[in-house]
Amino acid sequence: AEDLTISPMMNPAADPEAKGGQRLDIGV
């Protein structure tokens, strides 16, 4: 994001390379 001034060095939520994953949920 061009206007995101929060650095990923400080906050992982601002790191675009820390957004992937996988999950298995069970629902009732």
mmCIF file of all heavy atoms, coordinates in Angstrom:
data_MODEL
# 
_entry.id   MODEL 
# 
loop_
_atom_site.group_PDB 
_atom_site.id 
_atom_site.type_symbol 
_atom_site.label_atom_id 
_atom_site.label_alt_id 
_atom_site.label_comp_id 
_atom_site.label_asym_id 
_atom_site.label_entity_id 
_atom_site.label_seq_id 
_atom_site.pdbx_PDB_ins_code 
_atom_site.Cartn_x 
_atom_site.Cartn_y 
_atom_site.Cartn_z 
_atom_site.occupancy 
_atom_site.B_iso_or_equiv 
_atom_site.pdbx_formal_charge 
_atom_site.auth_seq_id 
_atom_site.auth_comp_id 
_atom_site.auth_asym_id 
_atom_site.auth_atom_id 
_atom_site.pdbx_PDB_model_num 
ATOM 1   N N   . ALA A 1 1  ? 0.834   -1.203  0.000  1.00 0.00 ? 1  ALA A N   1 
ATOM 2   C CA  . ALA A 1 1  ? 0.000   0.000   0.000  1.00 0.00 ? 1  ALA A CA  1 
ATOM 3   C C   . ALA A 1 1  ? 0.871   1.255   0.000  1.00 0.00 ? 1  ALA A C   1 
ATOM 4   O O   . ALA A 1 1  ? 1.724   1.432   0.873  1.00 0.00 ? 1  ALA A O   1 
ATOM 5   C CB  . ALA A 1 1  ? -0.923  0.000   1.208  1.00 0.00 ? 1  ALA A CB  1 
ATOM 6   N N   . GLU A 1 2  ? 0.626   2.129   -0.955 1.00 0.00 ? 2  GLU A N   1 
ATOM 7   C CA  . GLU A 1 2  ? 1.453   3.335   -1.111 1.00 0.00 ? 2  GLU A CA  1 
ATOM 8   C C   . GLU A 1 2  ? 1.322   4.304   0.063  1.00 0.00 ? 2  GLU A C   1 
ATOM 9   O O   . GLU A 1 2  ? 2.287   4.967   0.436  1.00 0.00 ? 2  GLU A O   1 
ATOM 10  C CB  . GLU A 1 2  ? 1.076   4.047   -2.416 1.00 0.00 ? 2  GLU A CB  1 
ATOM 11  C CG  . GLU A 1 2  ? 1.379   3.248   -3.667 1.00 0.00 ? 2  GLU A CG  1 
ATOM 12  C CD  . GLU A 1 2  ? 0.853   3.910   -4.920 1.00 0.00 ? 2  GLU A CD  1 
ATOM 13  O OE1 . GLU A 1 2  ? 0.131   4.925   -4.779 1.00 0.00 ? 2  GLU A OE1 1 
ATOM 14  O OE2 . GLU A 1 2  ? 1.140   3.423   -6.024 1.00 0.00 ? 2  GLU A OE2 1 
ATOM 15  N N   . ASP A 1 3  ? 0.133   4.410   0.644  1.00 0.00 ? 3  ASP A N   1 
ATOM 16  C CA  . ASP A 1 3  ? -0.103  5.392   1.708  1.00 0.00 ? 3  ASP A CA  1 
ATOM 17  C C   . ASP A 1 3  ? 0.027   4.809   3.105  1.00 0.00 ? 3  ASP A C   1 
ATOM 18  O O   . ASP A 1 3  ? -0.280  5.484   4.095  1.00 0.00 ? 3  ASP A O   1 
ATOM 19  C CB  . ASP A 1 3  ? -1.486  6.020   1.546  1.00 0.00 ? 3  ASP A CB  1 
ATOM 20  C CG  . ASP A 1 3  ? -1.596  6.862   0.281  1.00 0.00 ? 3  ASP A CG  1 
ATOM 21  O OD1 . ASP A 1 3  ? -0.538  7.279   -0.229 1.00 0.00 ? 3  ASP A OD1 1 
ATOM 22  O OD2 . ASP A 1 3  ? -2.720  7.089   -0.195 1.00 0.00 ? 3  ASP A OD2 1 
ATOM 23  N N   . LEU A 1 4  ? 0.454   3.558   3.202  1.00 0.00 ? 4  LEU A N   1 
ATOM 24  C CA  . LEU A 1 4  ? 0.630   2.929   4.507  1.00 0.00 ? 4  LEU A CA  1 
ATOM 25  C C   . LEU A 1 4  ? 2.011   3.282   5.041  1.00 0.00 ? 4  LEU A C   1 
ATOM 26  O O   . LEU A 1 4  ? 3.033   2.776   4.563  1.00 0.00 ? 4  LEU A O   1 
ATOM 27  C CB  . LEU A 1 4  ? 0.468   1.416   4.398  1.00 0.00 ? 4  LEU A CB  1 
ATOM 28  C CG  . LEU A 1 4  ? 0.640   0.607   5.689  1.00 0.00 ? 4  LEU A CG  1 
ATOM 29  C CD1 . LEU A 1 4  ? -0.354  1.072   6.757  1.00 0.00 ? 4  LEU A CD1 1 
ATOM 30  C CD2 . LEU A 1 4  ? 0.459   -0.877  5.405  1.00 0.00 ? 4  LEU A CD2 1 
ATOM 31  N N   . THR A 1 5  ? 2.058   4.183   6.041  1.00 0.00 ? 5  THR A N   1 
ATOM 32  C CA  . THR A 1 5  ? 3.342   4.634   6.586  1.00 0.00 ? 5  THR A CA  1 
ATOM 33  C C   . THR A 1 5  ? 3.779   3.815   7.793  1.00 0.00 ? 5  THR A C   1 
ATOM 34  O O   . THR A 1 5  ? 4.889   4.000   8.293  1.00 0.00 ? 5  THR A O   1 
ATOM 35  C CB  . THR A 1 5  ? 3.258   6.116   6.980  1.00 0.00 ? 5  THR A CB  1 
ATOM 36  O OG1 . THR A 1 5  ? 2.193   6.304   7.923  1.00 0.00 ? 5  THR A OG1 1 
ATOM 37  C CG2 . THR A 1 5  ? 3.003   6.980   5.754  1.00 0.00 ? 5  THR A CG2 1 
ATOM 38  N N   . ILE A 1 6  ? 2.925   2.919   8.283  1.00 0.00 ? 6  ILE A N   1 
ATOM 39  C CA  . ILE A 1 6  ? 3.321   2.006   9.357  1.00 0.00 ? 6  ILE A CA  1 
ATOM 40  C C   . ILE A 1 6  ? 4.273   0.970   8.753  1.00 0.00 ? 6  ILE A C   1 
ATOM 41  O O   . ILE A 1 6  ? 3.948   0.310   7.778  1.00 0.00 ? 6  ILE A O   1 
ATOM 42  C CB  . ILE A 1 6  ? 2.096   1.318   9.979  1.00 0.00 ? 6  ILE A CB  1 
ATOM 43  C CG1 . ILE A 1 6  ? 1.153   2.359   10.596 1.00 0.00 ? 6  ILE A CG1 1 
ATOM 44  C CG2 . ILE A 1 6  ? 2.512   0.296   11.022 1.00 0.00 ? 6  ILE A CG2 1 
ATOM 45  C CD1 . ILE A 1 6  ? -0.172  1.790   11.063 1.00 0.00 ? 6  ILE A CD1 1 
ATOM 46  N N   . SER A 1 7  ? 5.440   0.841   9.316  1.00 0.00 ? 7  SER A N   1 
ATOM 47  C CA  . SER A 1 7  ? 6.463   -0.038  8.748  1.00 0.00 ? 7  SER A CA  1 
ATOM 48  C C   . SER A 1 7  ? 6.244   -1.491  9.164  1.00 0.00 ? 7  SER A C   1 
ATOM 49  O O   . SER A 1 7  ? 5.940   -1.766  10.342 1.00 0.00 ? 7  SER A O   1 
ATOM 50  C CB  . SER A 1 7  ? 7.855   0.410   9.193  1.00 0.00 ? 7  SER A CB  1 
ATOM 51  O OG  . SER A 1 7  ? 8.826   -0.547  8.827  1.00 0.00 ? 7  SER A OG  1 
ATOM 52  N N   . PRO A 1 8  ? 6.427   -2.433  8.235  1.00 0.00 ? 8  PRO A N   1 
ATOM 53  C CA  . PRO A 1 8  ? 6.366   -3.850  8.604  1.00 0.00 ? 8  PRO A CA  1 
ATOM 54  C C   . PRO A 1 8  ? 7.495   -4.251  9.546  1.00 0.00 ? 8  PRO A C   1 
ATOM 55  O O   . PRO A 1 8  ? 7.402   -5.296  10.199 1.00 0.00 ? 8  PRO A O   1 
ATOM 56  C CB  . PRO A 1 8  ? 6.483   -4.570  7.252  1.00 0.00 ? 8  PRO A CB  1 
ATOM 57  C CG  . PRO A 1 8  ? 7.084   -3.584  6.321  1.00 0.00 ? 8  PRO A CG  1 
ATOM 58  C CD  . PRO A 1 8  ? 6.608   -2.249  6.789  1.00 0.00 ? 8  PRO A CD  1 
ATOM 59  N N   . MET A 1 9  ? 8.553   -3.441  9.634  1.00 0.00 ? 9  MET A N   1 
ATOM 60  C CA  . MET A 1 9  ? 9.615   -3.712  10.600 1.00 0.00 ? 9  MET A CA  1 
ATOM 61  C C   . MET A 1 9  ? 9.123   -3.515  12.031 1.00 0.00 ? 9  MET A C   1 
ATOM 62  O O   . MET A 1 9  ? 9.639   -4.120  12.965 1.00 0.00 ? 9  MET A O   1 
ATOM 63  C CB  . MET A 1 9  ? 10.800  -2.765  10.354 1.00 0.00 ? 9  MET A CB  1 
ATOM 64  C CG  . MET A 1 9  ? 11.439  -2.912  8.992  1.00 0.00 ? 9  MET A CG  1 
ATOM 65  S SD  . MET A 1 9  ? 12.408  -4.434  8.851  1.00 0.00 ? 9  MET A SD  1 
ATOM 66  C CE  . MET A 1 9  ? 13.825  -3.984  9.865  1.00 0.00 ? 9  MET A CE  1 
ATOM 67  N N   . MET A 1 10 ? 8.087   -2.676  12.178 1.00 0.00 ? 10 MET A N   1 
ATOM 68  C CA  . MET A 1 10 ? 7.534   -2.384  13.496 1.00 0.00 ? 10 MET A CA  1 
ATOM 69  C C   . MET A 1 10 ? 6.282   -3.200  13.782 1.00 0.00 ? 10 MET A C   1 
ATOM 70  O O   . MET A 1 10 ? 6.072   -3.654  14.905 1.00 0.00 ? 10 MET A O   1 
ATOM 71  C CB  . MET A 1 10 ? 7.207   -0.885  13.608 1.00 0.00 ? 10 MET A CB  1 
ATOM 72  C CG  . MET A 1 10 ? 6.647   -0.479  14.956 1.00 0.00 ? 10 MET A CG  1 
ATOM 73  S SD  . MET A 1 10 ? 6.249   1.292   15.050 1.00 0.00 ? 10 MET A SD  1 
ATOM 74  C CE  . MET A 1 10 ? 4.844   1.403   13.936 1.00 0.00 ? 10 MET A CE  1 
ATOM 75  N N   . ASN A 1 11 ? 5.436   -3.405  12.752 1.00 0.00 ? 11 ASN A N   1 
ATOM 76  C CA  . ASN A 1 11 ? 4.146   -4.055  12.945 1.00 0.00 ? 11 ASN A CA  1 
ATOM 77  C C   . ASN A 1 11 ? 3.925   -5.087  11.848 1.00 0.00 ? 11 ASN A C   1 
ATOM 78  O O   . ASN A 1 11 ? 3.805   -4.737  10.677 1.00 0.00 ? 11 ASN A O   1 
ATOM 79  C CB  . ASN A 1 11 ? 3.027   -3.002  12.915 1.00 0.00 ? 11 ASN A CB  1 
ATOM 80  C CG  . ASN A 1 11 ? 1.678   -3.576  13.289 1.00 0.00 ? 11 ASN A CG  1 
ATOM 81  O OD1 . ASN A 1 11 ? 1.455   -4.774  13.236 1.00 0.00 ? 11 ASN A OD1 1 
ATOM 82  N ND2 . ASN A 1 11 ? 0.770   -2.699  13.683 1.00 0.00 ? 11 ASN A ND2 1 
ATOM 83  N N   . PRO A 1 12 ? 3.869   -6.380  12.189 1.00 0.00 ? 12 PRO A N   1 
ATOM 84  C CA  . PRO A 1 12 ? 3.688   -7.415  11.158 1.00 0.00 ? 12 PRO A CA  1 
ATOM 85  C C   . PRO A 1 12 ? 2.362   -7.314  10.412 1.00 0.00 ? 12 PRO A C   1 
ATOM 86  O O   . PRO A 1 12 ? 2.242   -7.841  9.311  1.00 0.00 ? 12 PRO A O   1 
ATOM 87  C CB  . PRO A 1 12 ? 3.785   -8.724  11.950 1.00 0.00 ? 12 PRO A CB  1 
ATOM 88  C CG  . PRO A 1 12 ? 3.524   -8.350  13.366 1.00 0.00 ? 12 PRO A CG  1 
ATOM 89  C CD  . PRO A 1 12 ? 4.030   -6.958  13.533 1.00 0.00 ? 12 PRO A CD  1 
ATOM 90  N N   . ALA A 1 13 ? 1.373   -6.610  10.975 1.00 0.00 ? 13 ALA A N   1 
ATOM 91  C CA  . ALA A 1 13 ? 0.098   -6.441  10.262 1.00 0.00 ? 13 ALA A CA  1 
ATOM 92  C C   . ALA A 1 13 ? 0.285   -5.601  9.008  1.00 0.00 ? 13 ALA A C   1 
ATOM 93  O O   . ALA A 1 13 ? -0.541  -5.650  8.092  1.00 0.00 ? 13 ALA A O   1 
ATOM 94  C CB  . ALA A 1 13 ? -0.940  -5.789  11.167 1.00 0.00 ? 13 ALA A CB  1 
ATOM 95  N N   . ALA A 1 14 ? 1.382   -4.824  8.952  1.00 0.00 ? 14 ALA A N   1 
ATOM 96  C CA  . ALA A 1 14 ? 1.670   -3.981  7.793  1.00 0.00 ? 14 ALA A CA  1 
ATOM 97  C C   . ALA A 1 14 ? 2.577   -4.685  6.783  1.00 0.00 ? 14 ALA A C   1 
ATOM 98  O O   . ALA A 1 14 ? 2.967   -4.084  5.783  1.00 0.00 ? 14 ALA A O   1 
ATOM 99  C CB  . ALA A 1 14 ? 2.325   -2.682  8.247  1.00 0.00 ? 14 ALA A CB  1 
ATOM 100 N N   . ASP A 1 15 ? 2.914   -5.943  7.026  1.00 0.00 ? 15 ASP A N   1 
ATOM 101 C CA  . ASP A 1 15 ? 3.821   -6.684  6.157  1.00 0.00 ? 15 ASP A CA  1 
ATOM 102 C C   . ASP A 1 15 ? 3.018   -7.480  5.120  1.00 0.00 ? 15 ASP A C   1 
ATOM 103 O O   . ASP A 1 15 ? 2.320   -8.431  5.477  1.00 0.00 ? 15 ASP A O   1 
ATOM 104 C CB  . ASP A 1 15 ? 4.671   -7.642  6.993  1.00 0.00 ? 15 ASP A CB  1 
ATOM 105 C CG  . ASP A 1 15 ? 5.756   -8.335  6.176  1.00 0.00 ? 15 ASP A CG  1 
ATOM 106 O OD1 . ASP A 1 15 ? 5.776   -8.140  4.939  1.00 0.00 ? 15 ASP A OD1 1 
ATOM 107 O OD2 . ASP A 1 15 ? 6.551   -9.077  6.770  1.00 0.00 ? 15 ASP A OD2 1 
ATOM 108 N N   . PRO A 1 16 ? 3.087   -7.114  3.826  1.00 0.00 ? 16 PRO A N   1 
ATOM 109 C CA  . PRO A 1 16 ? 2.307   -7.850  2.813  1.00 0.00 ? 16 PRO A CA  1 
ATOM 110 C C   . PRO A 1 16 ? 2.786   -9.278  2.619  1.00 0.00 ? 16 PRO A C   1 
ATOM 111 O O   . PRO A 1 16 ? 2.053   -10.111 2.071  1.00 0.00 ? 16 PRO A O   1 
ATOM 112 C CB  . PRO A 1 16 ? 2.525   -7.021  1.540  1.00 0.00 ? 16 PRO A CB  1 
ATOM 113 C CG  . PRO A 1 16 ? 3.805   -6.287  1.766  1.00 0.00 ? 16 PRO A CG  1 
ATOM 114 C CD  . PRO A 1 16 ? 3.864   -6.010  3.241  1.00 0.00 ? 16 PRO A CD  1 
ATOM 115 N N   . GLU A 1 17 ? 4.011   -9.584  3.082  1.00 0.00 ? 17 GLU A N   1 
ATOM 116 C CA  . GLU A 1 17 ? 4.537   -10.936 2.946  1.00 0.00 ? 17 GLU A CA  1 
ATOM 117 C C   . GLU A 1 17 ? 4.257   -11.800 4.167  1.00 0.00 ? 17 GLU A C   1 
ATOM 118 O O   . GLU A 1 17 ? 4.766   -12.916 4.281  1.00 0.00 ? 17 GLU A O   1 
ATOM 119 C CB  . GLU A 1 17 ? 6.045   -10.875 2.678  1.00 0.00 ? 17 GLU A CB  1 
ATOM 120 C CG  . GLU A 1 17 ? 6.394   -10.199 1.356  1.00 0.00 ? 17 GLU A CG  1 
ATOM 121 C CD  . GLU A 1 17 ? 7.884   -10.195 1.076  1.00 0.00 ? 17 GLU A CD  1 
ATOM 122 O OE1 . GLU A 1 17 ? 8.643   -10.723 1.918  1.00 0.00 ? 17 GLU A OE1 1 
ATOM 123 O OE2 . GLU A 1 17 ? 8.286   -9.666  0.022  1.00 0.00 ? 17 GLU A OE2 1 
ATOM 124 N N   . ALA A 1 18 ? 3.439   -11.305 5.079  1.00 0.00 ? 18 ALA A N   1 
ATOM 125 C CA  . ALA A 1 18 ? 3.018   -12.076 6.247  1.00 0.00 ? 18 ALA A CA  1 
ATOM 126 C C   . ALA A 1 18 ? 1.500   -12.146 6.280  1.00 0.00 ? 18 ALA A C   1 
ATOM 127 O O   . ALA A 1 18 ? 0.861   -11.826 7.287  1.00 0.00 ? 18 ALA A O   1 
ATOM 128 C CB  . ALA A 1 18 ? 3.558   -11.446 7.535  1.00 0.00 ? 18 ALA A CB  1 
ATOM 129 N N   . LYS A 1 19 ? 0.918   -12.527 5.137  1.00 0.00 ? 19 LYS A N   1 
ATOM 130 C CA  . LYS A 1 19 ? -0.538  -12.560 5.033  1.00 0.00 ? 19 LYS A CA  1 
ATOM 131 C C   . LYS A 1 19 ? -1.071  -13.897 4.511  1.00 0.00 ? 19 LYS A C   1 
ATOM 132 O O   . LYS A 1 19 ? -2.273  -14.096 4.426  1.00 0.00 ? 19 LYS A O   1 
ATOM 133 C CB  . LYS A 1 19 ? -1.032  -11.436 4.102  1.00 0.00 ? 19 LYS A CB  1 
ATOM 134 C CG  . LYS A 1 19 ? -0.777  -10.046 4.666  1.00 0.00 ? 19 LYS A CG  1 
ATOM 135 C CD  . LYS A 1 19 ? -1.599  -9.812  5.896  1.00 0.00 ? 19 LYS A CD  1 
ATOM 136 C CE  . LYS A 1 19 ? -1.215  -8.529  6.600  1.00 0.00 ? 19 LYS A CE  1 
ATOM 137 N NZ  . LYS A 1 19 ? 0.062   -8.639  7.325  1.00 0.00 ? 19 LYS A NZ  1 
ATOM 138 N N   . GLY A 1 20 ? -0.196  -14.813 4.124  1.00 0.00 ? 20 GLY A N   1 
ATOM 139 C CA  . GLY A 1 20 ? -0.652  -16.088 3.577  1.00 0.00 ? 20 GLY A CA  1 
ATOM 140 C C   . GLY A 1 20 ? -0.886  -17.122 4.660  1.00 0.00 ? 20 GLY A C   1 
ATOM 141 O O   . GLY A 1 20 ? -0.551  -16.937 5.834  1.00 0.00 ? 20 GLY A O   1 
ATOM 142 N N   . GLY A 1 21 ? -1.457  -18.248 4.256  1.00 0.00 ? 21 GLY A N   1 
ATOM 143 C CA  . GLY A 1 21 ? -1.668  -19.335 5.204  1.00 0.00 ? 21 GLY A CA  1 
ATOM 144 C C   . GLY A 1 21 ? -2.697  -20.326 4.718  1.00 0.00 ? 21 GLY A C   1 
ATOM 145 O O   . GLY A 1 21 ? -3.178  -20.266 3.581  1.00 0.00 ? 21 GLY A O   1 
ATOM 146 N N   . GLN A 1 22 ? -3.040  -21.249 5.580  1.00 0.00 ? 22 GLN A N   1 
ATOM 147 C CA  . GLN A 1 22 ? -4.083  -22.225 5.305  1.00 0.00 ? 22 GLN A CA  1 
ATOM 148 C C   . GLN A 1 22 ? -4.723  -22.658 6.614  1.00 0.00 ? 22 GLN A C   1 
ATOM 149 O O   . GLN A 1 22 ? -4.115  -22.564 7.682  1.00 0.00 ? 22 GLN A O   1 
ATOM 150 C CB  . GLN A 1 22 ? -3.523  -23.446 4.568  1.00 0.00 ? 22 GLN A CB  1 
ATOM 151 C CG  . GLN A 1 22 ? -2.419  -24.182 5.296  1.00 0.00 ? 22 GLN A CG  1 
ATOM 152 C CD  . GLN A 1 22 ? -1.991  -25.424 4.555  1.00 0.00 ? 22 GLN A CD  1 
ATOM 153 O OE1 . GLN A 1 22 ? -2.702  -26.428 4.520  1.00 0.00 ? 22 GLN A OE1 1 
ATOM 154 N NE2 . GLN A 1 22 ? -0.819  -25.361 3.935  1.00 0.00 ? 22 GLN A NE2 1 
ATOM 155 N N   . ARG A 1 23 ? -5.981  -23.103 6.526  1.00 0.00 ? 23 ARG A N   1 
ATOM 156 C CA  . ARG A 1 23 ? -6.703  -23.472 7.747  1.00 0.00 ? 23 ARG A CA  1 
ATOM 157 C C   . ARG A 1 23 ? -7.779  -24.508 7.419  1.00 0.00 ? 23 ARG A C   1 
ATOM 158 O O   . ARG A 1 23 ? -8.374  -24.490 6.344  1.00 0.00 ? 23 ARG A O   1 
ATOM 159 C CB  . ARG A 1 23 ? -7.350  -22.230 8.368  1.00 0.00 ? 23 ARG A CB  1 
ATOM 160 C CG  . ARG A 1 23 ? -8.013  -22.488 9.718  1.00 0.00 ? 23 ARG A CG  1 
ATOM 161 C CD  . ARG A 1 23 ? -8.497  -21.217 10.382 1.00 0.00 ? 23 ARG A CD  1 
ATOM 162 N NE  . ARG A 1 23 ? -9.615  -20.602 9.691  1.00 0.00 ? 23 ARG A NE  1 
ATOM 163 C CZ  . ARG A 1 23 ? -9.534  -19.447 9.032  1.00 0.00 ? 23 ARG A CZ  1 
ATOM 164 N NH1 . ARG A 1 23 ? -8.394  -18.773 8.970  1.00 0.00 ? 23 ARG A NH1 1 
ATOM 165 N NH2 . ARG A 1 23 ? -10.599 -18.958 8.428  1.00 0.00 ? 23 ARG A NH2 1 
ATOM 166 N N   . LEU A 1 24 ? -8.017  -25.388 8.362  1.00 0.00 ? 24 LEU A N   1 
ATOM 167 C CA  . LEU A 1 24 ? -9.122  -26.339 8.293  1.00 0.00 ? 24 LEU A CA  1 
ATOM 168 C C   . LEU A 1 24 ? -10.060 -26.066 9.455  1.00 0.00 ? 24 LEU A C   1 
ATOM 169 O O   . LEU A 1 24 ? -9.648  -26.109 10.617 1.00 0.00 ? 24 LEU A O   1 
ATOM 170 C CB  . LEU A 1 24 ? -8.614  -27.775 8.345  1.00 0.00 ? 24 LEU A CB  1 
ATOM 171 C CG  . LEU A 1 24 ? -9.688  -28.868 8.425  1.00 0.00 ? 24 LEU A CG  1 
ATOM 172 C CD1 . LEU A 1 24 ? -10.558 -28.877 7.165  1.00 0.00 ? 24 LEU A CD1 1 
ATOM 173 C CD2 . LEU A 1 24 ? -9.051  -30.241 8.643  1.00 0.00 ? 24 LEU A CD2 1 
ATOM 174 N N   . ASP A 1 25 ? -11.317 -25.756 9.149  1.00 0.00 ? 25 ASP A N   1 
ATOM 175 C CA  . ASP A 1 25 ? -12.346 -25.531 10.163 1.00 0.00 ? 25 ASP A CA  1 
ATOM 176 C C   . ASP A 1 25 ? -13.373 -26.648 10.124 1.00 0.00 ? 25 ASP A C   1 
ATOM 177 O O   . ASP A 1 25 ? -13.694 -27.180 9.052  1.00 0.00 ? 25 ASP A O   1 
ATOM 178 C CB  . ASP A 1 25 ? -13.070 -24.201 9.912  1.00 0.00 ? 25 ASP A CB  1 
ATOM 179 C CG  . ASP A 1 25 ? -12.171 -22.996 10.088 1.00 0.00 ? 25 ASP A CG  1 
ATOM 180 O OD1 . ASP A 1 25 ? -11.845 -22.686 11.234 1.00 0.00 ? 25 ASP A OD1 1 
ATOM 181 O OD2 . ASP A 1 25 ? -11.787 -22.387 9.066  1.00 0.00 ? 25 ASP A OD2 1 
ATOM 182 N N   . ILE A 1 26 ? -13.925 -26.970 11.273 1.00 0.00 ? 26 ILE A N   1 
ATOM 183 C CA  . ILE A 1 26 ? -15.059 -27.881 11.377 1.00 0.00 ? 26 ILE A CA  1 
ATOM 184 C C   . ILE A 1 26 ? -16.253 -27.094 11.904 1.00 0.00 ? 26 ILE A C   1 
ATOM 185 O O   . ILE A 1 26 ? -16.126 -26.342 12.884 1.00 0.00 ? 26 ILE A O   1 
ATOM 186 C CB  . ILE A 1 26 ? -14.762 -29.074 12.308 1.00 0.00 ? 26 ILE A CB  1 
ATOM 187 C CG1 . ILE A 1 26 ? -13.583 -29.888 11.776 1.00 0.00 ? 26 ILE A CG1 1 
ATOM 188 C CG2 . ILE A 1 26 ? -16.001 -29.954 12.462 1.00 0.00 ? 26 ILE A CG2 1 
ATOM 189 C CD1 . ILE A 1 26 ? -13.830 -30.522 10.412 1.00 0.00 ? 26 ILE A CD1 1 
ATOM 190 N N   . GLY A 1 27 ? -17.398 -27.242 11.223 1.00 0.00 ? 27 GLY A N   1 
ATOM 191 C CA  . GLY A 1 27 ? -18.586 -26.496 11.614 1.00 0.00 ? 27 GLY A CA  1 
ATOM 192 C C   . GLY A 1 27 ? -19.752 -27.407 11.945 1.00 0.00 ? 27 GLY A C   1 
ATOM 193 O O   . GLY A 1 27 ? -19.905 -28.484 11.347 1.00 0.00 ? 27 GLY A O   1 
ATOM 194 N N   . VAL A 1 28 ? -20.571 -27.002 12.898 1.00 0.00 ? 28 VAL A N   1 
ATOM 195 C CA  . VAL A 1 28 ? -21.831 -27.685 13.214 1.00 0.00 ? 28 VAL A CA  1 
ATOM 196 C C   . VAL A 1 28 ? -22.942 -26.665 13.051 1.00 0.00 ? 28 VAL A C   1 
ATOM 197 O O   . VAL A 1 28 ? -22.809 -25.506 13.451 1.00 0.00 ? 28 VAL A O   1 
ATOM 198 C CB  . VAL A 1 28 ? -21.828 -28.288 14.632 1.00 0.00 ? 28 VAL A CB  1 
ATOM 199 C CG1 . VAL A 1 28 ? -20.858 -29.444 14.719 1.00 0.00 ? 28 VAL A CG1 1 
ATOM 200 C CG2 . VAL A 1 28 ? -21.475 -27.242 15.683 1.00 0.00 ? 28 VAL A CG2 1 
# 
